[in-house]
Amino acid sequence: MRIIRRIGASPRERGSTSGANCPDIFELADGSFAVIGTDVTDELDRELPIDASRAEYERIVAISRETLVRAKAEIPDA
């Protein structure tokens, strides 16, 4: 598994200078994506819609709206 590029603006470009708030999105060599965000699994697990589930090894991660909006233009359509 290898990161090939960041998707969207860097945390510094979004105003994070302390490193304390650094959500990020990366494209991986296999075409999937990795996300750095806040683990909200405990808060949202029971809120998942009935047709959604997660494996024990999966976590629910929140990223800021700004992080995703600024990445939108760089997310491929296919």
N, C-alpha and C. Protein backbone atom coordinates (compact mmCIF):
# COMPACT_ATOMS: atom_id res chain seq x y z
N MET A 1 0.86 -1.17 0.00
CA MET A 1 0.00 0.00 0.00
C MET A 1 0.90 1.24 0.00
N ARG A 2 0.56 2.18 -0.89
CA ARG A 2 1.41 3.36 -1.03
C ARG A 2 0.56 4.57 -1.39
N ILE A 3 0.84 5.71 -0.76
CA ILE A 3 0.18 6.98 -1.09
C ILE A 3 0.83 7.52 -2.36
N ILE A 4 -0.02 7.88 -3.34
CA ILE A 4 0.55 8.48 -4.55
C ILE A 4 0.32 9.98 -4.64
N ARG A 5 -0.75 10.48 -3.97
CA ARG A 5 -0.94 11.94 -3.98
C ARG A 5 -1.98 12.36 -2.95
N ARG A 6 -1.89 13.61 -2.55
CA ARG A 6 -2.92 14.24 -1.70
C ARG A 6 -4.06 14.67 -2.61
N ILE A 7 -5.28 14.57 -2.11
CA ILE A 7 -6.45 15.05 -2.84
C ILE A 7 -6.92 16.32 -2.13
N GLY A 8 -6.87 17.45 -2.82
CA GLY A 8 -7.31 18.71 -2.23
C GLY A 8 -6.19 19.48 -1.57
N ALA A 9 -6.58 20.50 -0.84
CA ALA A 9 -5.64 21.40 -0.19
C ALA A 9 -4.99 20.74 1.02
N SER A 10 -3.75 21.09 1.27
CA SER A 10 -3.05 20.57 2.45
C SER A 10 -3.63 21.21 3.71
N PRO A 11 -3.42 20.59 4.87
CA PRO A 11 -3.87 21.22 6.11
C PRO A 11 -3.33 22.65 6.27
N ARG A 12 -2.09 22.87 5.90
CA ARG A 12 -1.51 24.22 6.00
C ARG A 12 -2.27 25.20 5.12
N GLU A 13 -2.62 24.78 3.90
CA GLU A 13 -3.38 25.65 2.99
C GLU A 13 -4.78 25.93 3.53
N ARG A 14 -5.31 25.05 4.39
CA ARG A 14 -6.62 25.25 4.99
C ARG A 14 -6.52 25.97 6.33
N GLY A 15 -5.30 26.41 6.71
CA GLY A 15 -5.15 27.23 7.90
C GLY A 15 -4.66 26.52 9.15
N SER A 16 -4.32 25.23 9.05
CA SER A 16 -3.81 24.53 10.23
C SER A 16 -2.31 24.77 10.34
N THR A 17 -1.92 25.47 11.39
CA THR A 17 -0.50 25.75 11.59
C THR A 17 0.07 24.98 12.77
N SER A 18 -0.80 24.42 13.60
CA SER A 18 -0.32 23.73 14.80
C SER A 18 -0.20 22.22 14.61
N GLY A 19 -0.80 21.68 13.56
CA GLY A 19 -0.80 20.23 13.37
C GLY A 19 -1.85 19.53 14.22
N ALA A 20 -2.66 20.30 14.94
CA ALA A 20 -3.66 19.71 15.84
C ALA A 20 -4.97 19.39 15.12
N ASN A 21 -5.19 19.98 13.94
CA ASN A 21 -6.44 19.76 13.22
C ASN A 21 -6.09 19.55 11.76
N CYS A 22 -5.79 18.32 11.39
CA CYS A 22 -5.24 18.07 10.07
C CYS A 22 -5.96 16.97 9.30
N PRO A 23 -7.29 17.06 9.10
CA PRO A 23 -7.91 16.06 8.25
C PRO A 23 -7.29 16.10 6.86
N ASP A 24 -7.23 14.96 6.21
CA ASP A 24 -6.56 14.89 4.91
C ASP A 24 -7.12 13.73 4.12
N ILE A 25 -6.99 13.79 2.80
CA ILE A 25 -7.45 12.73 1.90
C ILE A 25 -6.29 12.41 0.95
N PHE A 26 -6.04 11.11 0.77
CA PHE A 26 -4.96 10.66 -0.10
C PHE A 26 -5.46 9.60 -1.08
N GLU A 27 -4.95 9.64 -2.31
CA GLU A 27 -5.20 8.57 -3.26
C GLU A 27 -4.08 7.55 -3.11
N LEU A 28 -4.46 6.28 -3.11
CA LEU A 28 -3.48 5.20 -2.96
C LEU A 28 -3.15 4.59 -4.31
N ALA A 29 -2.03 3.90 -4.38
CA ALA A 29 -1.56 3.32 -5.63
C ALA A 29 -2.57 2.37 -6.25
N ASP A 30 -3.40 1.72 -5.45
CA ASP A 30 -4.39 0.78 -6.00
C ASP A 30 -5.68 1.47 -6.42
N GLY A 31 -5.73 2.81 -6.34
CA GLY A 31 -6.91 3.56 -6.75
C GLY A 31 -7.89 3.85 -5.63
N SER A 32 -7.69 3.26 -4.45
CA SER A 32 -8.57 3.56 -3.31
C SER A 32 -8.08 4.83 -2.62
N PHE A 33 -8.82 5.25 -1.60
CA PHE A 33 -8.49 6.48 -0.90
C PHE A 33 -8.30 6.21 0.59
N ALA A 34 -7.43 6.98 1.21
CA ALA A 34 -7.22 6.94 2.66
C ALA A 34 -7.56 8.31 3.21
N VAL A 35 -8.17 8.32 4.41
CA VAL A 35 -8.61 9.56 5.02
C VAL A 35 -8.05 9.67 6.43
N ILE A 36 -7.51 10.84 6.76
CA ILE A 36 -7.14 11.16 8.14
C ILE A 36 -8.27 12.02 8.67
N GLY A 37 -8.88 11.59 9.74
CA GLY A 37 -9.99 12.34 10.32
C GLY A 37 -10.18 11.95 11.77
N THR A 38 -11.26 12.42 12.34
CA THR A 38 -11.58 12.14 13.73
C THR A 38 -12.40 10.86 13.81
N ASP A 39 -11.97 9.93 14.65
CA ASP A 39 -12.70 8.68 14.84
C ASP A 39 -13.99 8.97 15.60
N VAL A 40 -15.12 8.79 14.91
CA VAL A 40 -16.43 9.04 15.52
C VAL A 40 -17.27 7.76 15.56
N THR A 41 -16.59 6.63 15.51
CA THR A 41 -17.28 5.34 15.47
C THR A 41 -18.22 5.17 16.66
N ASP A 42 -17.75 5.45 17.85
CA ASP A 42 -18.58 5.26 19.04
C ASP A 42 -19.83 6.13 19.00
N GLU A 43 -19.71 7.34 18.47
CA GLU A 43 -20.85 8.25 18.43
C GLU A 43 -21.84 7.91 17.32
N LEU A 44 -21.35 7.40 16.18
CA LEU A 44 -22.22 7.24 15.02
C LEU A 44 -22.58 5.80 14.67
N ASP A 45 -21.94 4.83 15.27
CA ASP A 45 -22.19 3.44 14.90
C ASP A 45 -23.67 3.09 14.98
N ARG A 46 -24.33 3.47 16.04
CA ARG A 46 -25.75 3.15 16.21
C ARG A 46 -26.66 4.03 15.34
N GLU A 47 -26.10 5.06 14.71
CA GLU A 47 -26.86 5.96 13.84
C GLU A 47 -26.84 5.51 12.38
N LEU A 48 -26.04 4.49 12.06
CA LEU A 48 -25.95 4.06 10.67
C LEU A 48 -27.33 3.61 10.16
N PRO A 49 -27.64 3.92 8.91
CA PRO A 49 -28.90 3.45 8.33
C PRO A 49 -28.96 1.92 8.36
N ILE A 50 -30.14 1.39 8.31
CA ILE A 50 -30.33 -0.06 8.43
C ILE A 50 -29.60 -0.84 7.33
N ASP A 51 -29.41 -0.23 6.17
CA ASP A 51 -28.72 -0.93 5.08
C ASP A 51 -27.22 -0.65 5.03
N ALA A 52 -26.68 -0.05 6.09
CA ALA A 52 -25.24 0.21 6.19
C ALA A 52 -24.67 -0.59 7.35
N SER A 53 -23.42 -1.00 7.20
CA SER A 53 -22.75 -1.71 8.29
C SER A 53 -21.26 -1.50 8.14
N ARG A 54 -20.53 -1.90 9.14
CA ARG A 54 -19.07 -1.81 9.07
C ARG A 54 -18.49 -3.07 9.69
N ALA A 55 -17.36 -3.49 9.18
CA ALA A 55 -16.65 -4.63 9.75
C ALA A 55 -15.98 -4.19 11.05
N GLU A 56 -15.63 -5.12 11.88
CA GLU A 56 -14.99 -4.82 13.17
C GLU A 56 -13.71 -4.01 12.99
N TYR A 57 -13.00 -4.24 11.90
CA TYR A 57 -11.74 -3.53 11.65
C TYR A 57 -11.94 -2.16 11.01
N GLU A 58 -13.17 -1.80 10.66
CA GLU A 58 -13.45 -0.51 10.04
C GLU A 58 -13.87 0.51 11.08
N ARG A 59 -13.55 1.78 10.81
CA ARG A 59 -13.90 2.87 11.71
C ARG A 59 -14.68 3.91 10.91
N ILE A 60 -15.55 4.65 11.58
CA ILE A 60 -16.25 5.78 10.98
C ILE A 60 -15.41 7.01 11.29
N VAL A 61 -15.03 7.72 10.25
CA VAL A 61 -14.12 8.85 10.40
C VAL A 61 -14.79 10.10 9.84
N ALA A 62 -14.74 11.19 10.60
CA ALA A 62 -15.29 12.47 10.15
C ALA A 62 -14.16 13.38 9.70
N ILE A 63 -14.41 14.07 8.59
CA ILE A 63 -13.50 15.11 8.12
C ILE A 63 -14.32 16.39 7.97
N SER A 64 -13.65 17.50 7.99
CA SER A 64 -14.38 18.77 7.88
C SER A 64 -14.98 18.93 6.49
N ARG A 65 -16.04 19.68 6.42
CA ARG A 65 -16.68 19.98 5.13
C ARG A 65 -15.68 20.64 4.20
N GLU A 66 -14.89 21.58 4.73
CA GLU A 66 -13.91 22.29 3.91
C GLU A 66 -12.92 21.32 3.27
N THR A 67 -12.49 20.31 4.02
CA THR A 67 -11.54 19.34 3.49
C THR A 67 -12.11 18.65 2.26
N LEU A 68 -13.35 18.17 2.35
CA LEU A 68 -13.96 17.46 1.23
C LEU A 68 -14.31 18.40 0.07
N VAL A 69 -14.84 19.57 0.38
CA VAL A 69 -15.21 20.52 -0.68
C VAL A 69 -13.98 20.94 -1.47
N ARG A 70 -12.88 21.18 -0.78
CA ARG A 70 -11.66 21.61 -1.48
C ARG A 70 -11.01 20.46 -2.23
N ALA A 71 -11.35 19.22 -1.90
CA ALA A 71 -10.82 18.05 -2.61
C ALA A 71 -11.69 17.68 -3.81
N LYS A 72 -12.93 18.13 -3.83
CA LYS A 72 -13.91 17.72 -4.84
C LYS A 72 -13.38 17.79 -6.27
N ALA A 73 -12.75 18.87 -6.62
CA ALA A 73 -12.27 19.05 -8.00
C ALA A 73 -11.22 18.04 -8.40
N GLU A 74 -10.52 17.45 -7.43
CA GLU A 74 -9.45 16.50 -7.73
C GLU A 74 -9.88 15.04 -7.61
N ILE A 75 -11.13 14.79 -7.22
CA ILE A 75 -11.61 13.42 -7.11
C ILE A 75 -12.05 12.96 -8.50
N PRO A 76 -11.44 11.88 -9.01
CA PRO A 76 -11.79 11.45 -10.36
C PRO A 76 -13.24 10.98 -10.45
N ASP A 77 -13.83 11.13 -11.64
CA ASP A 77 -15.21 10.67 -11.87
C ASP A 77 -15.26 9.15 -12.01
N ALA A 78 -14.19 8.55 -12.45
CA ALA A 78 -14.16 7.10 -12.64
C ALA A 78 -12.85 6.52 -12.16
